[in-house]
C-alpha cells in the first residue's frame, strides 16, 4: 500500500445544486431567461398585388394575404401599432415578360406600394425583396440563356431594381437571387445614383429548399421549367455558406441573411461566431405552414410552437427574424 495514491473521491453537486429551483414559477423563469424576443426583431413579409380592395387569402399560408396597395396600407398601420420592426415587400405585377421589366419599372407594383406607405405610415421600416422570379414569364430569377440563368446580365436588372426601390423610398434593399456579384453590382449602382446611405441586406446563404413551396403560391413565382439549384445553394454545404457570406460582405453588404431558418440553425450560429455584422434569418413559408397545419389538426399548440421556433432562431444568433408569425407573436409579447 505504501506507494499507492488514494483514489480521488468526486463530490457530486446534488443535492446542494438543484437547477429546478429557478424553474419553479413563471416569475423566476422570466428572471433568468437567457434568450428574449421582442416585436422590434421581427420583419413581416407582405405580398402586394394590383387592384383595389383586394385581400386574397393564400391557401397554403392561412392568415396571410395578397394585398392591393390600399389594403397593404391598412395592414402596415397595424404592423406599426404592434411595434414590429418593419415589413419586406414582394410584388405581384400586372403582367410578366422575359425581361422582368415590372421589377425595375418606377411605376411597378412595389414602387407604388413604397410611395403609398411612405405617405400613409411614416416611420415604418420598409425593406424590399430584390429579385426577378415574380416578374419573369418563366419564373426564374434572371435572364435565361441556353436554358440557364445568365449571371452577369441578371446583375444589371437587379441593380436597376434596387435603385428604383431606393428612389421610391425603401429603407433597405434585400437581393435574394443568389447571382454571383449581385451585392457589388447593387452597391455600385446605388452609390452612383446618390443612394450611398441605403443599406443592403443580402440573402447571402439562401438554400435550394423544399420549404419554399407555399411561398410560390403566394408570390405566383414557381419556375416554368427546371429548378433553381444552379444558383441557390446545396443544403448539404455549410462551409460554402460561410464563403458566400464572406464574399457578400466584401462586396458591400451591410447585413446578411440565412434562409431558411430552422433547418439551418447551425449555420446561423456559425455566422454569428464568425462575422461581426447584423444577422437575419428567414422563417420561410414552409416552416410557417407546417406549424399552422399541425396546430389545425390538433397535434401541437400553435402559440407555443410559434414562440419556441422563434426563440430557437434568436438563440442560434439571429438579431432579425423575417417571419409570417410577426403579428401574432407581437401580440403575445405585448
Protein backbone atom coordinates (compact mmCIF):
# COMPACT_ATOMS: atom_id res chain seq x y z
CA UNK A 1 0.00 0.00 0.00
CA UNK A 2 2.94 2.25 0.71
CA UNK A 3 3.34 3.87 -2.74
CA UNK A 4 -0.28 3.81 -3.92
CA UNK A 5 -2.22 7.03 -4.30
CA UNK A 6 -5.67 7.04 -2.89
CA UNK A 7 -8.49 7.19 -5.41
CA UNK A 8 -9.94 10.69 -5.73
CA UNK A 9 -13.46 10.87 -4.39
CA UNK A 10 -15.70 13.09 -6.54
CA UNK A 11 -18.25 15.02 -4.57
CA UNK A 12 -21.43 15.25 -6.63
CA UNK A 13 -23.17 18.65 -6.61
CA UNK A 14 -26.61 17.21 -5.87
CA UNK A 15 -28.44 17.96 -3.56
CA UNK A 16 -26.67 21.30 -2.97
CA UNK A 17 -27.18 22.40 -6.59
CA UNK A 18 -30.73 21.92 -7.82
CA UNK A 19 -31.27 23.58 -11.17
CA UNK A 20 -35.02 23.15 -10.84
CA UNK A 21 -35.05 25.85 -8.16
CA UNK A 22 -35.02 28.53 -10.86
CA UNK A 23 -37.79 26.87 -12.89
CA UNK A 24 -40.43 26.72 -10.19
CA UNK A 25 -42.56 29.71 -11.21
CA UNK A 26 -43.14 31.97 -14.19
CA UNK A 27 -41.61 34.97 -12.42
CA UNK A 28 -38.41 33.00 -11.72
CA UNK A 29 -38.27 31.61 -15.26
CA UNK A 30 -38.71 35.11 -16.66
CA UNK A 31 -35.99 36.49 -14.38
CA UNK A 32 -33.30 34.08 -15.58
CA UNK A 33 -34.39 33.69 -19.22
CA UNK A 34 -31.33 33.82 -21.47
CA UNK A 35 -32.96 34.48 -24.86
CA UNK A 36 -35.64 37.15 -25.14
CA UNK A 37 -37.90 38.06 -28.04
CA UNK A 38 -39.36 41.47 -28.78
CA UNK A 39 -41.51 42.66 -31.69
CA UNK A 40 -38.80 45.01 -32.92
CA UNK A 41 -36.76 41.96 -34.02
CA UNK A 42 -39.42 40.85 -36.50
CA UNK A 43 -39.91 41.76 -40.14
CA UNK A 44 -43.23 40.74 -41.71
CA UNK A 45 -43.16 39.62 -45.36
CA UNK A 46 -46.09 41.04 -47.36
CA UNK A 47 -47.35 40.40 -50.88
CA UNK A 48 -48.68 43.37 -52.83
CA UNK A 49 -50.83 42.93 -55.93
CA UNK A 50 -52.73 45.09 -58.46
CA UNK A 51 -56.29 46.24 -57.90
CA UNK A 52 -58.24 47.92 -55.15
CA UNK A 53 -59.85 46.42 -52.07
CA UNK A 54 -58.03 43.11 -52.66
CA UNK A 55 -57.36 40.95 -49.62
CA UNK A 56 -56.98 37.42 -51.02
CA UNK A 57 -56.02 34.73 -48.52
CA UNK A 58 -53.16 32.45 -49.56
CA UNK A 59 -54.44 28.88 -49.40
CA UNK A 60 -51.15 27.31 -48.31
CA UNK A 61 -50.43 30.08 -45.78
CA UNK A 62 -53.58 30.68 -43.71
CA UNK A 63 -53.66 34.14 -42.19
CA UNK A 64 -51.53 35.65 -44.98
CA UNK A 65 -52.86 37.55 -47.97
CA UNK A 66 -52.16 39.03 -51.35
CA UNK A 67 -52.96 42.70 -50.76
CA UNK A 68 -53.71 45.61 -53.05
CA UNK A 69 -51.90 48.83 -52.18
CA UNK A 70 -54.84 50.28 -50.23
CA UNK A 71 -55.17 47.10 -48.17
CA UNK A 72 -51.40 46.98 -47.71
CA UNK A 73 -51.53 50.43 -46.16
CA UNK A 74 -54.13 49.23 -43.65
CA UNK A 75 -52.07 46.15 -42.85
CA UNK A 76 -48.94 48.21 -42.28
CA UNK A 77 -50.73 50.60 -39.96
CA UNK A 78 -51.46 47.60 -37.74
CA UNK A 79 -47.89 46.36 -38.09
CA UNK A 80 -46.59 49.72 -36.90
CA UNK A 81 -49.03 49.84 -33.99
CA UNK A 82 -47.77 46.44 -32.78
CA UNK A 83 -44.17 47.68 -32.64
CA UNK A 84 -43.00 45.21 -35.29
CA UNK A 85 -39.58 46.07 -36.69
CA UNK A 86 -40.73 46.50 -40.28
CA UNK A 87 -42.01 44.83 -43.42
CA UNK A 88 -40.43 43.36 -46.54
CA UNK A 89 -42.40 43.70 -49.77
CA UNK A 90 -42.84 41.16 -52.56
CA UNK A 91 -44.61 42.24 -55.72
CA UNK A 92 -47.13 40.54 -57.98
CA UNK A 93 -47.08 42.55 -61.23
CA UNK A 94 -49.99 43.11 -63.60
CA UNK A 95 -48.07 41.29 -66.33
CA UNK A 96 -44.85 39.32 -66.73
CA UNK A 97 -42.28 39.09 -69.52
CA UNK A 98 -38.92 37.52 -70.25
CA UNK A 99 -37.06 40.68 -69.23
CA UNK A 100 -38.64 41.08 -65.75
CA UNK A 101 -39.45 44.66 -66.72
CA UNK A 102 -42.01 45.03 -63.92
CA UNK A 103 -39.25 44.61 -61.35
CA UNK A 104 -37.40 47.82 -62.23
CA UNK A 105 -40.30 49.91 -63.55
CA UNK A 106 -40.55 53.11 -61.49
CA UNK A 107 -44.32 52.68 -61.65
CA UNK A 108 -44.17 48.99 -60.75
CA UNK A 109 -46.32 47.45 -58.05
CA UNK A 110 -43.65 47.52 -55.31
CA UNK A 111 -42.55 51.04 -56.19
CA UNK A 112 -46.17 52.28 -55.94
CA UNK A 113 -46.58 50.44 -52.65
CA UNK A 114 -43.45 52.02 -51.17
CA UNK A 115 -44.64 55.52 -52.06
CA UNK A 116 -48.07 54.87 -50.55
CA UNK A 117 -46.56 53.53 -47.32
CA UNK A 118 -44.16 56.46 -47.08
CA UNK A 119 -47.15 58.79 -47.25
CA UNK A 120 -49.58 56.89 -45.01
CA UNK A 121 -47.35 55.14 -42.47
CA UNK A 122 -44.34 57.41 -41.86
CA UNK A 123 -41.75 55.86 -39.61
CA UNK A 124 -42.42 52.28 -40.73
CA UNK A 125 -39.27 50.48 -41.85
CA UNK A 126 -39.69 49.25 -45.43
CA UNK A 127 -37.39 46.60 -46.89
CA UNK A 128 -37.83 45.26 -50.40
CA UNK A 129 -37.04 41.90 -51.91
CA UNK A 130 -34.82 42.47 -54.95
CA UNK A 131 -35.32 39.57 -57.32
CA UNK A 132 -36.92 38.73 -60.66
CA UNK A 133 -38.80 35.46 -60.20
CA UNK A 134 -42.16 37.17 -59.59
CA UNK A 135 -41.72 39.26 -62.75
CA UNK A 136 -40.40 36.82 -65.35
CA UNK A 137 -42.77 34.84 -67.53
CA UNK A 138 -40.68 31.72 -66.95
CA UNK A 139 -40.40 32.14 -63.15
CA UNK A 140 -36.62 32.07 -62.93
CA UNK A 141 -34.61 34.71 -61.12
CA UNK A 142 -32.92 36.27 -64.14
CA UNK A 143 -32.23 36.35 -67.87
CA UNK A 144 -32.45 32.84 -69.33
CA UNK A 145 -29.87 31.95 -71.96
CA UNK A 146 -29.44 28.44 -73.34
CA UNK A 147 -31.72 27.03 -70.65
CA UNK A 148 -29.85 28.56 -67.71
CA UNK A 149 -29.89 31.90 -65.89
CA UNK A 150 -27.19 34.19 -67.26
CA UNK A 151 -25.45 35.61 -64.21
CA UNK A 152 -23.96 38.87 -65.45
CA UNK A 153 -26.94 40.06 -67.50
CA UNK A 154 -29.12 39.48 -64.45
CA UNK A 155 -26.89 41.74 -62.37
CA UNK A 156 -27.98 44.71 -64.49
CA UNK A 157 -31.67 44.01 -63.75
CA UNK A 158 -31.01 43.64 -60.05
CA UNK A 159 -29.08 46.90 -59.81
CA UNK A 160 -31.82 48.79 -61.68
CA UNK A 161 -34.47 47.29 -59.40
CA UNK A 162 -32.60 48.22 -56.22
CA UNK A 163 -32.17 51.81 -57.39
CA UNK A 164 -35.87 52.07 -58.30
CA UNK A 165 -36.81 50.83 -54.82
CA UNK A 166 -34.45 53.30 -53.15
CA UNK A 167 -35.82 56.10 -55.34
CA UNK A 168 -39.36 55.23 -54.22
CA UNK A 169 -38.30 55.42 -50.56
CA UNK A 170 -37.22 51.94 -49.42
CA UNK A 171 -35.13 51.86 -46.25
CA UNK A 172 -33.37 48.58 -47.10
CA UNK A 173 -32.89 46.63 -50.32
CA UNK A 174 -32.55 42.86 -49.99
CA UNK A 175 -31.28 40.89 -53.01
CA UNK A 176 -32.47 37.27 -52.88
CA UNK A 177 -31.48 35.95 -56.31
CA UNK A 178 -28.13 34.30 -55.41
CA UNK A 179 -26.30 35.58 -58.51
CA UNK A 180 -22.54 35.91 -58.07
CA UNK A 181 -21.53 39.56 -57.71
CA UNK A 182 -25.04 40.95 -57.16
CA UNK A 183 -24.11 42.85 -53.98
CA UNK A 184 -21.21 44.56 -55.75
CA UNK A 185 -23.42 45.48 -58.73
CA UNK A 186 -26.18 46.87 -56.49
CA UNK A 187 -23.79 48.78 -54.22
CA UNK A 188 -22.04 50.33 -57.21
CA UNK A 189 -25.31 51.47 -58.81
CA UNK A 190 -26.84 52.73 -55.58
CA UNK A 191 -23.77 54.83 -54.85
CA UNK A 192 -23.61 56.19 -58.39
CA UNK A 193 -27.28 57.18 -58.17
CA UNK A 194 -26.94 59.06 -54.89
CA UNK A 195 -28.23 56.32 -52.58
CA UNK A 196 -25.00 55.55 -50.80
CA UNK A 197 -26.87 55.63 -47.47
CA UNK A 198 -29.25 52.81 -48.48
CA UNK A 199 -28.16 49.57 -46.75
CA UNK A 200 -28.12 46.14 -48.37
CA UNK A 201 -29.47 43.11 -46.53
CA UNK A 202 -28.09 40.24 -48.60
CA UNK A 203 -29.75 36.85 -48.74
CA UNK A 204 -26.21 35.51 -48.51
CA UNK A 205 -26.84 31.85 -47.63
CA UNK A 206 -30.07 31.02 -49.45
CA UNK A 207 -30.57 27.33 -50.00
CA UNK A 208 -32.48 25.45 -52.69
CA UNK A 209 -35.06 24.37 -50.14
CA UNK A 210 -38.28 22.38 -50.28
CA UNK A 211 -39.63 24.71 -47.58
CA UNK A 212 -40.34 27.47 -50.12
CA UNK A 213 -43.34 25.63 -51.56
CA UNK A 214 -46.17 27.74 -50.06
CA UNK A 215 -44.35 30.98 -50.97
CA UNK A 216 -44.53 30.10 -54.64
CA UNK A 217 -48.31 30.12 -54.39
CA UNK A 218 -48.21 33.44 -52.54
CA UNK A 219 -45.84 35.14 -54.99
CA UNK A 220 -47.01 33.21 -58.08
CA UNK A 221 -43.34 32.57 -58.83
CA UNK A 222 -42.91 28.85 -59.49
CA UNK A 223 -40.37 28.22 -62.30
CA UNK A 224 -41.98 27.03 -65.53
CA UNK A 225 -39.11 24.63 -66.26
CA UNK A 226 -36.28 23.07 -64.28
CA UNK A 227 -35.46 24.33 -60.81
CA UNK A 228 -33.21 26.88 -59.09
CA UNK A 229 -30.45 24.57 -57.91
CA UNK A 230 -27.89 26.03 -60.31
CA UNK A 231 -27.94 29.29 -58.35
CA UNK A 232 -29.46 28.61 -54.92
CA UNK A 233 -27.24 26.68 -52.52
CA UNK A 234 -26.99 22.93 -51.96
CA UNK A 235 -28.49 22.23 -48.49
CA UNK A 236 -25.50 19.99 -47.68
CA UNK A 237 -22.90 22.78 -47.92
CA UNK A 238 -22.20 24.65 -44.71
CA UNK A 239 -18.64 25.76 -45.46
CA UNK A 240 -19.77 27.15 -48.79
CA UNK A 241 -22.40 29.20 -46.93
CA UNK A 242 -19.63 30.89 -44.95
CA UNK A 243 -17.81 31.68 -48.21
CA UNK A 244 -20.99 33.20 -49.66
CA UNK A 245 -21.42 35.40 -46.59
CA UNK A 246 -17.78 36.48 -46.63
CA UNK A 247 -17.95 37.42 -50.32
CA UNK A 248 -21.17 39.41 -49.86
CA UNK A 249 -19.59 41.37 -47.02
CA UNK A 250 -16.51 42.07 -49.13
CA UNK A 251 -18.79 43.33 -51.92
CA UNK A 252 -20.54 45.77 -49.58
CA UNK A 253 -23.39 44.01 -47.79
CA UNK A 254 -24.35 45.72 -44.53
CA UNK A 255 -26.35 42.80 -43.14
CA UNK A 256 -26.58 39.14 -44.11
CA UNK A 257 -29.32 36.54 -44.03
CA UNK A 258 -29.60 32.77 -43.71
CA UNK A 259 -32.66 31.28 -45.42
CA UNK A 260 -34.48 29.09 -44.39
CA UNK A 261 -34.04 29.45 -40.64
CA UNK A 262 -34.84 26.35 -38.61
CA UNK A 263 -33.20 23.72 -40.87
CA UNK A 264 -30.05 25.87 -40.81
CA UNK A 265 -29.74 26.91 -37.16
CA UNK A 266 -26.20 25.54 -37.15
CA UNK A 267 -25.23 27.95 -39.91
CA UNK A 268 -26.84 30.90 -38.14
CA UNK A 269 -24.66 30.06 -35.13
CA UNK A 270 -21.53 29.67 -37.29
CA UNK A 271 -22.21 33.01 -38.95
CA UNK A 272 -22.80 34.69 -35.58
CA UNK A 273 -19.50 33.37 -34.24
CA UNK A 274 -17.56 34.35 -37.36
CA UNK A 275 -18.99 37.66 -38.63
CA UNK A 276 -19.50 40.79 -36.55
CA UNK A 277 -22.44 42.16 -38.54
CA UNK A 278 -26.23 42.08 -38.04
CA UNK A 279 -27.55 38.64 -38.98
CA UNK A 280 -31.08 37.97 -40.17
CA UNK A 281 -32.84 34.65 -40.64
CA UNK A 282 -35.96 33.98 -42.68
CA UNK A 283 -38.52 31.65 -41.13
CA UNK A 284 -39.90 30.72 -44.53
CA UNK A 285 -43.38 29.81 -45.73
CA UNK A 286 -42.97 26.07 -45.28
CA UNK A 287 -41.84 26.48 -41.69
CA UNK A 288 -44.90 28.64 -41.00
CA UNK A 289 -47.34 26.38 -42.83
CA UNK A 290 -46.16 23.20 -41.11
CA UNK A 291 -46.78 24.69 -37.68
CA UNK A 292 -50.19 26.07 -38.65
CA UNK A 293 -51.26 22.82 -40.31
CA UNK A 294 -50.18 20.69 -37.35
CA UNK A 295 -51.99 23.03 -34.96
CA UNK A 296 -55.17 22.90 -37.04
CA UNK A 297 -55.05 19.12 -36.82
CA UNK A 298 -54.76 19.34 -33.04
CA UNK A 299 -51.27 17.86 -32.99
CA UNK A 300 -49.43 20.81 -31.40
CA UNK A 301 -50.21 24.07 -29.64
CA UNK A 302 -49.72 26.80 -32.24
CA UNK A 303 -48.75 29.62 -29.86
CA UNK A 304 -46.16 27.54 -28.05
CA UNK A 305 -44.74 26.13 -31.30
CA UNK A 306 -44.59 29.63 -32.76
CA UNK A 307 -42.71 31.06 -29.79
CA UNK A 308 -40.41 28.06 -29.40
CA UNK A 309 -39.43 28.20 -33.06
CA UNK A 310 -38.76 31.94 -32.97
CA UNK A 311 -36.76 31.57 -29.76
CA UNK A 312 -34.59 28.88 -31.36
CA UNK A 313 -33.74 31.20 -34.26
CA UNK A 314 -32.75 34.08 -31.98
CA UNK A 315 -30.90 31.75 -29.61
CA UNK A 316 -28.86 30.50 -32.56
CA UNK A 317 -27.66 34.06 -33.17
CA UNK A 318 -30.10 35.92 -35.43
CA UNK A 319 -30.82 39.51 -34.40
CA UNK A 320 -33.55 39.92 -37.06
CA UNK A 321 -36.21 37.36 -37.95
CA UNK A 322 -38.32 37.57 -41.09
CA UNK A 323 -41.45 35.67 -40.11
CA UNK A 324 -45.10 35.30 -41.08
CA UNK A 325 -45.77 34.97 -37.35
CA UNK A 326 -44.73 38.58 -36.72
CA UNK A 327 -48.23 39.84 -35.88
CA UNK A 328 -49.44 37.04 -33.57
CA UNK A 329 -46.04 36.85 -31.88
CA UNK A 330 -46.01 40.62 -31.32
CA UNK A 331 -49.50 40.48 -29.81
CA UNK A 332 -48.43 37.70 -27.47
CA UNK A 333 -45.28 39.52 -26.42
CA UNK A 334 -47.26 42.70 -25.92
